[in-house]
C-alpha atoms as a PDB file:
ATOM      1  CA  UNK A   1       0.000   0.000   0.000  1.00  0.00           C
ATOM      2  CA  UNK A   2       1.630   3.237  -1.211  1.00  0.00           C
ATOM      3  CA  UNK A   3       1.153   6.371   0.884  1.00  0.00           C
ATOM      4  CA  UNK A   4       0.467   9.657  -0.946  1.00  0.00           C
ATOM      5  CA  UNK A   5       0.580  12.912   0.999  1.00  0.00           C
ATOM      6  CA  UNK A   6      -1.063  15.977  -0.580  1.00  0.00           C
ATOM      7  CA  UNK A   7      -0.400  19.471   0.747  1.00  0.00           C
ATOM      8  CA  UNK A   8      -2.895  22.155  -0.331  1.00  0.00           C
ATOM      9  CA  UNK A   9      -0.853  25.305   0.123  1.00  0.00           C
ATOM     10  CA  UNK A  10      -1.761  28.045   2.619  1.00  0.00           C
ATOM     11  CA  UNK A  11      -5.147  28.140   4.413  1.00  0.00           C
ATOM     12  CA  UNK A  12      -6.936  29.856   7.261  1.00  0.00           C
ATOM     13  CA  UNK A  13      -5.391  33.201   8.150  1.00  0.00           C
ATOM     14  CA  UNK A  14      -2.790  32.631   5.396  1.00  0.00           C
ATOM     15  CA  UNK A  15      -4.704  33.273   2.167  1.00  0.00           C
ATOM     16  CA  UNK A  16      -1.673  32.813  -0.037  1.00  0.00           C
ATOM     17  CA  UNK A  17      -1.438  35.006  -3.119  1.00  0.00           C
ATOM     18  CA  UNK A  18      -4.505  37.102  -4.100  1.00  0.00           C
ATOM     19  CA  UNK A  19      -5.342  38.335  -7.561  1.00  0.00           C
ATOM     20  CA  UNK A  20      -8.173  38.879 -10.038  1.00  0.00           C
ATOM     21  CA  UNK A  21     -10.824  38.058  -7.463  1.00  0.00           C
ATOM     22  CA  UNK A  22      -9.137  34.789  -6.451  1.00  0.00           C
ATOM     23  CA  UNK A  23      -7.316  33.499  -3.363  1.00  0.00           C
ATOM     24  CA  UNK A  24      -4.568  30.916  -3.641  1.00  0.00           C
ATOM     25  CA  UNK A  25      -5.753  28.930  -0.603  1.00  0.00           C
ATOM     26  CA  UNK A  26      -9.127  28.214  -2.242  1.00  0.00           C
ATOM     27  CA  UNK A  27      -7.661  27.096  -5.564  1.00  0.00           C
ATOM     28  CA  UNK A  28      -5.103  24.749  -3.995  1.00  0.00           C
ATOM     29  CA  UNK A  29      -7.846  23.073  -1.957  1.00  0.00           C
ATOM     30  CA  UNK A  30     -10.000  22.653  -5.065  1.00  0.00           C
ATOM     31  CA  UNK A  31      -7.133  21.073  -7.026  1.00  0.00           C
ATOM     32  CA  UNK A  32      -6.404  18.735  -4.115  1.00  0.00           C
ATOM     33  CA  UNK A  33     -10.023  17.579  -4.020  1.00  0.00           C
ATOM     34  CA  UNK A  34      -9.948  16.892  -7.764  1.00  0.00           C
ATOM     35  CA  UNK A  35      -6.785  14.834  -7.224  1.00  0.00           C
ATOM     36  CA  UNK A  36      -8.336  12.770  -4.438  1.00  0.00           C
ATOM     37  CA  UNK A  37     -11.419  12.071  -6.557  1.00  0.00           C
ATOM     38  CA  UNK A  38      -9.307  11.030  -9.545  1.00  0.00           C
ATOM     39  CA  UNK A  39      -7.074   8.792  -7.439  1.00  0.00           C
ATOM     40  CA  UNK A  40     -10.045   7.005  -5.904  1.00  0.00           C
ATOM     41  CA  UNK A  41     -11.788   6.674  -9.261  1.00  0.00           C
ATOM     42  CA  UNK A  42      -8.958   5.311 -11.379  1.00  0.00           C
ATOM     43  CA  UNK A  43      -6.343   3.675  -9.133  1.00  0.00           C
ATOM     44  CA  UNK A  44      -5.921   1.098  -6.384  1.00  0.00           C
ATOM     45  CA  UNK A  45      -3.170   0.121  -3.955  1.00  0.00           C
ATOM     46  CA  UNK A  46      -2.707   3.447  -2.182  1.00  0.00           C
ATOM     47  CA  UNK A  47      -3.715   5.509   0.825  1.00  0.00           C
ATOM     48  CA  UNK A  48      -3.960   9.294   0.660  1.00  0.00           C
ATOM     49  CA  UNK A  49      -3.509  11.800   3.470  1.00  0.00           C
ATOM     50  CA  UNK A  50      -3.588  15.589   3.421  1.00  0.00           C
ATOM     51  CA  UNK A  51      -2.388  18.623   5.320  1.00  0.00           C
ATOM     52  CA  UNK A  52      -5.870  20.074   5.319  1.00  0.00           C
ATOM     53  CA  UNK A  53      -9.325  19.469   3.858  1.00  0.00           C
ATOM     54  CA  UNK A  54     -10.822  22.727   5.151  1.00  0.00           C
ATOM     55  CA  UNK A  55      -9.798  26.376   5.439  1.00  0.00           C
ATOM     56  CA  UNK A  56      -7.349  26.048   8.339  1.00  0.00           C
ATOM     57  CA  UNK A  57      -3.795  27.247   8.951  1.00  0.00           C
ATOM     58  CA  UNK A  58      -0.779  24.985   9.479  1.00  0.00           C
ATOM     59  CA  UNK A  59       2.847  26.072   9.589  1.00  0.00           C
ATOM     60  CA  UNK A  60       5.310  24.799   7.016  1.00  0.00           C
ATOM     61  CA  UNK A  61       7.090  22.679   9.636  1.00  0.00           C
ATOM     62  CA  UNK A  62       3.789  21.127  10.705  1.00  0.00           C
ATOM     63  CA  UNK A  63       3.045  20.135   7.112  1.00  0.00           C
ATOM     64  CA  UNK A  64       6.386  18.386   6.702  1.00  0.00           C
ATOM     65  CA  UNK A  65       6.167  16.798  10.162  1.00  0.00           C
ATOM     66  CA  UNK A  66       2.723  15.319   9.476  1.00  0.00           C
ATOM     67  CA  UNK A  67       3.956  13.737   6.249  1.00  0.00           C
ATOM     68  CA  UNK A  68       7.080  12.357   7.922  1.00  0.00           C
ATOM     69  CA  UNK A  69       5.151  10.961  10.889  1.00  0.00           C
ATOM     70  CA  UNK A  70       2.694   9.216   8.590  1.00  0.00           C
ATOM     71  CA  UNK A  71       5.526   7.602   6.627  1.00  0.00           C
ATOM     72  CA  UNK A  72       4.452   8.940   3.247  1.00  0.00           C
ATOM     73  CA  UNK A  73       6.054   7.517   0.106  1.00  0.00           C
ATOM     74  CA  UNK A  74       5.641  10.793  -1.811  1.00  0.00           C
ATOM     75  CA  UNK A  75       4.740  14.373  -0.917  1.00  0.00           C
ATOM     76  CA  UNK A  76       3.205  16.912  -3.297  1.00  0.00           C
ATOM     77  CA  UNK A  77       2.633  20.540  -2.333  1.00  0.00           C
ATOM     78  CA  UNK A  78       0.029  22.322  -4.479  1.00  0.00           C
ATOM     79  CA  UNK A  79       0.471  26.057  -5.061  1.00  0.00           C
ATOM     80  CA  UNK A  80      -0.456  29.031  -7.239  1.00  0.00           C
ATOM     81  CA  UNK A  81       2.200  31.525  -8.270  1.00  0.00           C
ATOM     82  CA  UNK A  82       2.324  35.323  -8.163  1.00  0.00           C
ATOM     83  CA  UNK A  83       4.657  38.107  -9.215  1.00  0.00           C
ATOM     84  CA  UNK A  84       3.481  39.096 -12.664  1.00  0.00           C
ATOM     85  CA  UNK A  85       4.717  36.109 -14.678  1.00  0.00           C
ATOM     86  CA  UNK A  86       2.848  33.445 -16.617  1.00  0.00           C
ATOM     87  CA  UNK A  87       2.978  29.673 -16.820  1.00  0.00           C
ATOM     88  CA  UNK A  88       3.629  26.500 -14.840  1.00  0.00           C
ATOM     89  CA  UNK A  89       6.741  25.408 -12.963  1.00  0.00           C
ATOM     90  CA  UNK A  90       7.657  22.769 -10.397  1.00  0.00           C
ATOM     91  CA  UNK A  91      10.348  22.524  -7.714  1.00  0.00           C
ATOM     92  CA  UNK A  92      12.430  20.044  -5.774  1.00  0.00           C
ATOM     93  CA  UNK A  93      14.797  20.794  -2.886  1.00  0.00           C
ATOM     94  CA  UNK A  94      17.884  22.533  -4.265  1.00  0.00           C
ATOM     95  CA  UNK A  95      20.358  20.410  -2.293  1.00  0.00           C
ATOM     96  CA  UNK A  96      18.838  17.029  -3.042  1.00  0.00           C
ATOM     97  CA  UNK A  97      20.992  14.351  -4.622  1.00  0.00           C
ATOM     98  CA  UNK A  98      18.311  11.659  -4.418  1.00  0.00           C
ATOM     99  CA  UNK A  99      17.572  10.267  -7.864  1.00  0.00           C
ATOM    100  CA  UNK A 100      14.130   9.110  -6.748  1.00  0.00           C
ATOM    101  CA  UNK A 101      13.164  12.730  -5.986  1.00  0.00           C
ATOM    102  CA  UNK A 102      14.301  13.788  -9.444  1.00  0.00           C
ATOM    103  CA  UNK A 103      12.426  10.871 -10.994  1.00  0.00           C
ATOM    104  CA  UNK A 104       9.266  11.774  -9.074  1.00  0.00           C
ATOM    105  CA  UNK A 105       9.365  15.360 -10.304  1.00  0.00           C
ATOM    106  CA  UNK A 106      10.092  14.252 -13.876  1.00  0.00           C
ATOM    107  CA  UNK A 107       7.150  11.855 -13.789  1.00  0.00           C
ATOM    108  CA  UNK A 108       4.782  14.679 -12.853  1.00  0.00           C
ATOM    109  CA  UNK A 109       6.350  17.174 -15.242  1.00  0.00           C
ATOM    110  CA  UNK A 110       6.044  14.885 -18.269  1.00  0.00           C
ATOM    111  CA  UNK A 111       2.349  14.332 -17.573  1.00  0.00           C
ATOM    112  CA  UNK A 112       1.771  18.078 -17.223  1.00  0.00           C
ATOM    113  CA  UNK A 113       3.395  19.042 -20.535  1.00  0.00           C
ATOM    114  CA  UNK A 114       0.523  17.934 -22.839  1.00  0.00           C
ATOM    115  CA  UNK A 115      -1.984  19.853 -20.702  1.00  0.00           C
ATOM    116  CA  UNK A 116       0.121  23.002 -20.955  1.00  0.00           C
ATOM    117  CA  UNK A 117       0.219  22.616 -24.730  1.00  0.00           C
ATOM    118  CA  UNK A 118      -3.535  22.046 -24.926  1.00  0.00           C
ATOM    119  CA  UNK A 119      -4.243  25.291 -23.037  1.00  0.00           C
ATOM    120  CA  UNK A 120      -1.372  27.286 -24.557  1.00  0.00           C
ATOM    121  CA  UNK A 121       0.010  27.707 -21.036  1.00  0.00           C
ATOM    122  CA  UNK A 122       3.748  28.354 -20.781  1.00  0.00           C
ATOM    123  CA  UNK A 123       6.101  25.760 -19.337  1.00  0.00           C
ATOM    124  CA  UNK A 124       8.595  27.590 -17.113  1.00  0.00           C
ATOM    125  CA  UNK A 125      10.452  24.364 -16.501  1.00  0.00           C
ATOM    126  CA  UNK A 126      11.885  22.181 -13.765  1.00  0.00           C
ATOM    127  CA  UNK A 127      13.422  24.186 -10.916  1.00  0.00           C
ATOM    128  CA  UNK A 128      14.893  23.828  -7.428  1.00  0.00           C
ATOM    129  CA  UNK A 129      14.512  25.899  -4.264  1.00  0.00           C
ATOM    130  CA  UNK A 130      15.040  25.898  -0.504  1.00  0.00           C
ATOM    131  CA  UNK A 131      11.336  25.681   0.388  1.00  0.00           C
ATOM    132  CA  UNK A 132      10.723  24.295   3.876  1.00  0.00           C
ATOM    133  CA  UNK A 133       8.243  21.615   2.814  1.00  0.00           C
ATOM    134  CA  UNK A 134      10.827  20.286   0.352  1.00  0.00           C
ATOM    135  CA  UNK A 135      13.771  20.618   2.718  1.00  0.00           C
ATOM    136  CA  UNK A 136      12.121  19.106   5.795  1.00  0.00           C
ATOM    137  CA  UNK A 137      10.289  16.143   4.240  1.00  0.00           C
ATOM    138  CA  UNK A 138      11.951  12.712   4.250  1.00  0.00           C
ATOM    139  CA  UNK A 139      10.348  11.312   1.104  1.00  0.00           C
ATOM    140  CA  UNK A 140      10.471  12.381  -2.582  1.00  0.00           C
ATOM    141  CA  UNK A 141       8.764  15.785  -2.587  1.00  0.00           C
ATOM    142  CA  UNK A 142       7.609  18.186  -5.294  1.00  0.00           C
ATOM    143  CA  UNK A 143       6.063  21.650  -5.099  1.00  0.00           C
ATOM    144  CA  UNK A 144       4.032  22.661  -8.163  1.00  0.00           C
ATOM    145  CA  UNK A 145       3.058  26.223  -9.104  1.00  0.00           C
ATOM    146  CA  UNK A 146       0.175  25.874 -11.554  1.00  0.00           C
ATOM    147  CA  UNK A 147      -0.169  29.480 -12.792  1.00  0.00           C
ATOM    148  CA  UNK A 148       0.142  33.166 -11.830  1.00  0.00           C
ATOM    149  CA  UNK A 149      -2.922  34.410  -9.969  1.00  0.00           C
ATOM    150  CA  UNK A 150      -2.062  38.080 -10.573  1.00  0.00           C
ATOM    151  CA  UNK A 151      -1.816  37.758 -14.365  1.00  0.00           C
ATOM    152  CA  UNK A 152      -5.151  38.044 -16.183  1.00  0.00           C
ATOM    153  CA  UNK A 153      -4.416  35.318 -18.749  1.00  0.00           C
ATOM    154  CA  UNK A 154      -3.392  32.836 -16.056  1.00  0.00           C
ATOM    155  CA  UNK A 155      -6.209  33.882 -13.725  1.00  0.00           C
ATOM    156  CA  UNK A 156      -8.722  33.089 -16.452  1.00  0.00           C
ATOM    157  CA  UNK A 157      -7.327  29.561 -16.533  1.00  0.00           C
ATOM    158  CA  UNK A 158      -7.566  29.322 -12.748  1.00  0.00           C
ATOM    159  CA  UNK A 159     -11.254  30.262 -13.050  1.00  0.00           C
ATOM    160  CA  UNK A 160     -11.749  27.431 -15.576  1.00  0.00           C
ATOM    161  CA  UNK A 161     -12.544  24.263 -13.649  1.00  0.00           C
ATOM    162  CA  UNK A 162     -11.815  22.121 -16.713  1.00  0.00           C
ATOM    163  CA  UNK A 163      -8.225  23.383 -16.625  1.00  0.00           C
ATOM    164  CA  UNK A 164      -7.933  22.671 -12.898  1.00  0.00           C
ATOM    165  CA  UNK A 165      -9.278  19.143 -13.424  1.00  0.00           C
ATOM    166  CA  UNK A 166      -6.964  18.509 -16.367  1.00  0.00           C
ATOM    167  CA  UNK A 167      -3.951  19.649 -14.356  1.00  0.00           C
ATOM    168  CA  UNK A 168      -5.090  17.641 -11.327  1.00  0.00           C
ATOM    169  CA  UNK A 169      -5.329  14.596 -13.537  1.00  0.00           C
ATOM    170  CA  UNK A 170      -1.814  15.206 -14.857  1.00  0.00           C
ATOM    171  CA  UNK A 171      -0.517  15.447 -11.280  1.00  0.00           C
ATOM    172  CA  UNK A 172      -2.311  12.205 -10.400  1.00  0.00           C
ATOM    173  CA  UNK A 173      -0.999  10.396 -13.476  1.00  0.00           C
ATOM    174  CA  UNK A 174       2.542  11.460 -12.592  1.00  0.00           C
ATOM    175  CA  UNK A 175       2.157  10.208  -9.029  1.00  0.00           C
ATOM    176  CA  UNK A 176       0.569   6.944 -10.172  1.00  0.00           C
ATOM    177  CA  UNK A 177       3.291   6.351 -12.742  1.00  0.00           C
ATOM    178  CA  UNK A 178       6.063   6.960 -10.208  1.00  0.00           C
ATOM    179  CA  UNK A 179       4.476   4.710  -7.577  1.00  0.00           C
ATOM    180  CA  UNK A 180       3.418   2.156 -10.215  1.00  0.00           C
ATOM    181  CA  UNK A 181      -0.161   2.142  -8.957  1.00  0.00           C
ATOM    182  CA  UNK A 182      -2.574  -0.352 -10.453  1.00  0.00           C
ATOM    183  CA  UNK A 183      -5.349   1.048 -12.620  1.00  0.00           C
ATOM    184  CA  UNK A 184      -8.935   0.016 -12.097  1.00  0.00           C
ATOM    185  CA  UNK A 185     -10.143  -1.843 -15.210  1.00  0.00           C
ATOM    186  CA  UNK A 186     -13.829  -2.209 -16.043  1.00  0.00           C
ATOM    187  CA  UNK A 187     -14.905  -4.506 -18.883  1.00  0.00           C
ATOM    188  CA  UNK A 188     -17.581  -3.167 -21.290  1.00  0.00           C
ATOM    189  CA  UNK A 189     -19.528  -6.350 -20.544  1.00  0.00           C
ATOM    190  CA  UNK A 190     -19.790  -5.559 -16.831  1.00  0.00           C
ATOM    191  CA  UNK A 191     -23.529  -5.225 -16.083  1.00  0.00           C
ATOM    192  CA  UNK A 192     -23.032  -2.022 -14.104  1.00  0.00           C
ATOM    193  CA  UNK A 193     -21.532  -0.437 -17.212  1.00  0.00           C
ATOM    194  CA  UNK A 194     -24.543  -1.097 -19.455  1.00  0.00           C
ATOM    195  CA  UNK A 195     -25.818   0.470 -21.599  1.00  0.00           C
ATOM    196  CA  UNK A 196     -22.452   1.042 -23.231  1.00  0.00           C
ATOM    197  CA  UNK A 197     -21.144   4.492 -24.036  1.00  0.00           C
ATOM    198  CA  UNK A 198     -21.732   3.867 -27.746  1.00  0.00           C
ATOM    199  CA  UNK A 199     -25.449   3.484 -27.011  1.00  0.00           C
ATOM    200  CA  UNK A 200     -25.648   6.519 -24.716  1.00  0.00           C
ATOM    201  CA  UNK A 201     -23.014   9.044 -25.811  1.00  0.00           C
ATOM    202  CA  UNK A 202     -21.614  11.226 -23.024  1.00  0.00           C
ATOM    203  CA  UNK A 203     -22.415  14.911 -22.837  1.00  0.00           C
ATOM    204  CA  UNK A 204     -19.694  16.602 -24.972  1.00  0.00           C
ATOM    205  CA  UNK A 205     -19.294  19.328 -22.347  1.00  0.00           C
ATOM    206  CA  UNK A 206     -18.069  16.709 -19.860  1.00  0.00           C
ATOM    207  CA  UNK A 207     -15.348  15.346 -22.134  1.00  0.00           C
ATOM    208  CA  UNK A 208     -11.692  16.444 -22.080  1.00  0.00           C
ATOM    209  CA  UNK A 209     -10.739  19.106 -24.596  1.00  0.00           C
ATOM    210  CA  UNK A 210      -9.434  17.657 -27.886  1.00  0.00           C
ATOM    211  CA  UNK A 211      -6.881  19.623 -29.896  1.00  0.00           C
ATOM    212  CA  UNK A 212      -6.683  18.639 -33.560  1.00  0.00           C
ATOM    213  CA  UNK A 213      -3.362  18.320 -35.369  1.00  0.00           C
ATOM    214  CA  UNK A 214      -4.891  17.684 -38.789  1.00  0.00           C
ATOM    215  CA  UNK A 215      -3.188  15.773 -41.579  1.00  0.00           C
ATOM    216  CA  UNK A 216      -0.339  18.280 -41.854  1.00  0.00           C
ATOM    217  CA  UNK A 217       0.950  17.703 -38.339  1.00  0.00           C
ATOM    218  CA  UNK A 218      -0.139  14.142 -37.590  1.00  0.00           C
ATOM    219  CA  UNK A 219       2.611  12.197 -35.801  1.00  0.00           C
ATOM    220  CA  UNK A 220       3.498   8.533 -35.464  1.00  0.00           C
ATOM    221  CA  UNK A 221       3.498   6.498 -32.263  1.00  0.00           C
ATOM    222  CA  UNK A 222       4.180   2.860 -31.403  1.00  0.00           C
ATOM    223  CA  UNK A 223       2.091   0.786 -28.993  1.00  0.00           C
ATOM    224  CA  UNK A 224       4.263  -0.223 -26.020  1.00  0.00           C
ATOM    225  CA  UNK A 225       1.748  -2.853 -24.911  1.00  0.00           C
ATOM    226  CA  UNK A 226      -1.465  -4.358 -26.240  1.00  0.00           C
ATOM    227  CA  UNK A 227      -3.500  -1.191 -25.868  1.00  0.00           C
ATOM    228  CA  UNK A 228      -7.181  -0.403 -26.072  1.00  0.00           C
ATOM    229  CA  UNK A 229      -8.777   1.785 -28.722  1.00  0.00           C
ATOM    230  CA  UNK A 230     -11.547   3.783 -27.039  1.00  0.00           C
ATOM    231  CA  UNK A 231     -14.600   5.500 -28.441  1.00  0.00           C
ATOM    232  CA  UNK A 232     -14.568   8.738 -26.437  1.00  0.00           C
ATOM    233  CA  UNK A 233     -11.998  11.172 -25.054  1.00  0.00           C
ATOM    234  CA  UNK A 234     -12.691  10.146 -21.450  1.00  0.00           C
ATOM    235  CA  UNK A 235     -11.660   6.611 -22.468  1.00  0.00           C
ATOM    236  CA  UNK A 236     -14.818   4.522 -21.989  1.00  0.00           C
ATOM    237  CA  UNK A 237     -16.120   1.813 -24.353  1.00  0.00           C
ATOM    238  CA  UNK A 238     -13.097  -0.118 -25.571  1.00  0.00           C
ATOM    239  CA  UNK A 239     -13.575  -0.843 -29.276  1.00  0.00           C
ATOM    240  CA  UNK A 240     -10.660  -3.160 -30.001  1.00  0.00           C
ATOM    241  CA  UNK A 241      -7.025  -3.817 -29.141  1.00  0.00           C
ATOM    242  CA  UNK A 242      -3.963  -2.483 -30.936  1.00  0.00           C
ATOM    243  CA  UNK A 243      -1.138  -5.003 -30.690  1.00  0.00           C
ATOM    244  CA  UNK A 244       2.123  -4.099 -28.982  1.00  0.00           C
ATOM    245  CA  UNK A 245       4.692  -2.870 -31.503  1.00  0.00           C
ATOM    246  CA  UNK A 246       2.108  -1.495 -33.944  1.00  0.00           C
ATOM    247  CA  UNK A 247       3.088   1.875 -35.444  1.00  0.00           C
ATOM    248  CA  UNK A 248       0.206   4.198 -36.298  1.00  0.00           C
ATOM    249  CA  UNK A 249      -0.562   7.882 -36.828  1.00  0.00           C
ATOM    250  CA  UNK A 250      -2.402  10.135 -34.380  1.00  0.00           C
ATOM    251  CA  UNK A 251      -4.241  13.288 -35.392  1.00  0.00           C
ATOM    252  CA  UNK A 252      -4.997  15.115 -32.136  1.00  0.00           C
ATOM    253  CA  UNK A 253      -4.711  14.900 -28.370  1.00  0.00           C
ATOM    254  CA  UNK A 254      -6.195  15.555 -24.932  1.00  0.00           C
ATOM    255  CA  UNK A 255      -4.260  15.765 -21.664  1.00  0.00           C
ATOM    256  CA  UNK A 256      -4.093  11.960 -21.485  1.00  0.00           C
ATOM    257  CA  UNK A 257      -4.858  10.494 -24.904  1.00  0.00           C
ATOM    258  CA  UNK A 258      -4.101  10.617 -28.621  1.00  0.00           C
ATOM    259  CA  UNK A 259      -6.837  10.627 -31.266  1.00  0.00           C
ATOM    260  CA  UNK A 260      -6.611   7.948 -33.942  1.00  0.00           C
ATOM    261  CA  UNK A 261      -7.958   7.789 -37.491  1.00  0.00           C
ATOM    262  CA  UNK A 262     -10.789  10.261 -38.006  1.00  0.00           C
ATOM    263  CA  UNK A 263     -10.245  11.741 -34.565  1.00  0.00           C
ATOM    264  CA  UNK A 264     -13.138   9.921 -32.948  1.00  0.00           C
ATOM    265  CA  UNK A 265     -11.150   7.054 -31.412  1.00  0.00           C
ATOM    266  CA  UNK A 266      -8.566   7.363 -28.658  1.00  0.00           C
ATOM    267  CA  UNK A 267      -5.565   5.599 -27.124  1.00  0.00           C
ATOM    268  CA  UNK A 268      -3.969   6.418 -23.795  1.00  0.00           C
ATOM    269  CA  UNK A 269      -0.702   8.369 -24.074  1.00  0.00           C
ATOM    270  CA  UNK A 270       0.927   6.203 -21.431  1.00  0.00           C
ATOM    271  CA  UNK A 271       0.469   3.097 -23.600  1.00  0.00           C
ATOM    272  CA  UNK A 272       2.425   4.380 -26.611  1.00  0.00           C
ATOM    273  CA  UNK A 273       5.890   5.724 -27.330  1.00  0.00           C
ATOM    274  CA  UNK A 274       6.721   8.532 -29.722  1.00  0.00           C
ATOM    275  CA  UNK A 275       8.408   7.845 -33.033  1.00  0.00           C
ATOM    276  CA  UNK A 276      11.283  10.312 -33.305  1.00  0.00           C
ATOM    277  CA  UNK A 277      11.784  12.186 -36.568  1.00  0.00           C
ATOM    278  CA  UNK A 278      14.875  14.073 -37.718  1.00  0.00           C
ATOM    279  CA  UNK A 279      14.148  17.382 -39.441  1.00  0.00           C
ATOM    280  CA  UNK A 280      16.829  18.982 -41.594  1.00  0.00           C
ATOM    281  CA  UNK A 281      16.660  22.676 -42.468  1.00  0.00           C
ATOM    282  CA  UNK A 282      18.604  24.530 -45.112  1.00  0.00           C
ATOM    283  CA  UNK A 283      19.960  28.015 -45.660  1.00  0.00           C
ATOM    284  CA  UNK A 284      20.257  29.024 -42.021  1.00  0.00           C
ATOM    285  CA  UNK A 285      22.221  32.193 -41.420  1.00  0.00           C
ATOM    286  CA  UNK A 286      23.509  33.145 -37.963  1.00  0.00           C
ATOM    287  CA  UNK A 287      20.438  35.256 -37.140  1.00  0.00           C
ATOM    288  CA  UNK A 288      18.086  32.430 -38.127  1.00  0.00           C
ATOM    289  CA  UNK A 289      20.118  29.985 -36.064  1.00  0.00           C
ATOM    290  CA  UNK A 290      19.832  32.172 -32.972  1.00  0.00           C
ATOM    291  CA  UNK A 291      16.080  32.624 -33.504  1.00  0.00           C
ATOM    292  CA  UNK A 292      15.675  28.855 -33.801  1.00  0.00           C
ATOM    293  CA  UNK A 293      17.638  28.257 -30.604  1.00  0.00           C
ATOM    294  CA  UNK A 294      15.641  30.925 -28.749  1.00  0.00           C
ATOM    295  CA  UNK A 295      12.425  29.246 -29.859  1.00  0.00           C
ATOM    296  CA  UNK A 296      13.580  25.847 -28.561  1.00  0.00           C
ATOM    297  CA  UNK A 297      14.626  27.380 -25.248  1.00  0.00           C
ATOM    298  CA  UNK A 298      11.355  29.257 -24.779  1.00  0.00           C
ATOM    299  CA  UNK A 299       9.250  26.149 -25.327  1.00  0.00           C
ATOM    300  CA  UNK A 300      11.507  23.922 -23.200  1.00  0.00           C
ATOM    301  CA  UNK A 301      11.865  21.482 -26.087  1.00  0.00           C
ATOM    302  CA  UNK A 302      14.075  18.487 -25.409  1.00  0.00           C
ATOM    303  CA  UNK A 303      15.546  18.240 -28.897  1.00  0.00           C
ATOM    304  CA  UNK A 304      19.092  19.490 -29.525  1.00  0.00           C
ATOM    305  CA  UNK A 305      19.721  21.643 -32.598  1.00  0.00           C
ATOM    306  CA  UNK A 306      22.860  20.551 -34.426  1.00  0.00           C
ATOM    307  CA  UNK A 307      24.349  22.887 -37.011  1.00  0.00           C
ATOM    308  CA  UNK A 308      26.352  22.037 -40.114  1.00  0.00           C
ATOM    309  CA  UNK A 309      28.311  25.059 -41.247  1.00  0.00           C
ATOM    310  CA  UNK A 310      29.930  23.768 -44.422  1.00  0.00           C
ATOM    311  CA  UNK A 311      28.385  24.544 -47.781  1.00  0.00           C
ATOM    312  CA  UNK A 312      24.761  25.629 -47.376  1.00  0.00           C
ATOM    313  CA  UNK A 313      24.443  26.031 -43.551  1.00  0.00           C
ATOM    314  CA  UNK A 314      21.745  23.689 -42.233  1.00  0.00           C
ATOM    315  CA  UNK A 315      20.240  22.657 -38.916  1.00  0.00           C
ATOM    316  CA  UNK A 316      19.216  19.199 -37.734  1.00  0.00           C
ATOM    317  CA  UNK A 317      16.922  18.315 -34.827  1.00  0.00           C
ATOM    318  CA  UNK A 318      15.380  15.008 -33.734  1.00  0.00           C
ATOM    319  CA  UNK A 319      12.028  15.206 -31.934  1.00  0.00           C
ATOM    320  CA  UNK A 320       8.694  13.407 -31.725  1.00  0.00           C
ATOM    321  CA  UNK A 321       5.092  13.928 -30.698  1.00  0.00           C
ATOM    322  CA  UNK A 322       3.980  17.452 -29.815  1.00  0.00           C
ATOM    323  CA  UNK A 323       7.557  18.702 -29.847  1.00  0.00           C
ATOM    324  CA  UNK A 324       7.782  17.650 -33.492  1.00  0.00           C
ATOM    325  CA  UNK A 325       4.521  19.482 -34.181  1.00  0.00           C
ATOM    326  CA  UNK A 326       5.768  22.659 -32.504  1.00  0.00           C
ATOM    327  CA  UNK A 327       9.029  22.650 -34.480  1.00  0.00           C
ATOM    328  CA  UNK A 328       7.229  22.082 -37.787  1.00  0.00           C
ATOM    329  CA  UNK A 329       4.753  24.862 -37.025  1.00  0.00           C
ATOM    330  CA  UNK A 330       7.609  27.221 -36.181  1.00  0.00           C
ATOM    331  CA  UNK A 331       9.447  26.440 -39.413  1.00  0.00           C
ATOM    332  CA  UNK A 332       6.259  26.747 -41.468  1.00  0.00           C
ATOM    333  CA  UNK A 333       5.403  30.110 -39.885  1.00  0.00           C
ATOM    334  CA  UNK A 334       8.896  31.347 -40.729  1.00  0.00           C
ATOM    335  CA  UNK A 335       8.722  29.954 -44.248  1.00  0.00           C
ATOM    336  CA  UNK A 336      12.039  28.179 -43.747  1.00  0.00           C
ATOM    337  CA  UNK A 337      12.891  25.108 -45.767  1.00  0.00           C
ATOM    338  CA  UNK A 338      12.981  21.731 -44.010  1.00  0.00           C
ATOM    339  CA  UNK A 339      12.616  18.058 -44.803  1.00  0.00           C
ATOM    340  CA  UNK A 340      12.402  14.799 -42.874  1.00  0.00           C
ATOM    341  CA  UNK A 341      15.589  12.750 -43.000  1.00  0.00           C
END
């Protein structure tokens, strides 16, 4: 039984950051509740404990002490940022040398990235700090800052419960992946699941947001395991199984799934791996090279731009999935030549 400790930041007399009619303490509690609901709905083999479930104040040391005393396996502190910026970022203790802490943060961060892309919300990256709840906890610990409450664009996202749920689900998926929690599996033939989703379609307003890539930016993935093909974006009603090793194209995405074929069928992102593609540009001058590098840095893309300076200067980058889409869109917007190797 894995122990998950959630820490909704601030509370009581400590409102956290205010801005645009919002208080940080209320948002962190709402995100935490979404996370608890999602954990209980989709996973087994865990226990969850929290710093607070109501509007009460606890000191930073008390939060860490409660998690340590309980013997938590992971600790996640949920926060909202302030200071006039924009975007998401997450932190681990600056002096940590524990690989499991780094792995825990990376697991959460990778699940968050597709949600950020779907909402056009900036990724400010993986960071470290001397925060007390990270320094004083004994287990792998992460502090996540979802958005800036005092920036109108970010505040509008914080007022959008669909965004909060999507981010909560990304947090939960990262925790579950790190702890290797078992998913709850319900067969379409289970009586409690009848009538099937195909017979009673879900209300579209309740489904995760789907972003289309279209034919121009469709990408290839490979099934890591025998994976289900589902009828709707919230992944009910398994239609058939795609065999492990099968390579196929996807044409859109939600926070947790890829759309297949005509965009009406879905596979879970966690069940596939990205097919990497090498793009080769041509005719890059020094100014274009710097603009390309600045673009990659701004979007926190993992691909490394390699330059060939002999003859017609060219750039080469190997990426997959949404990173491949972003690079292609950038090059198309600039009107720069490129081809797939």
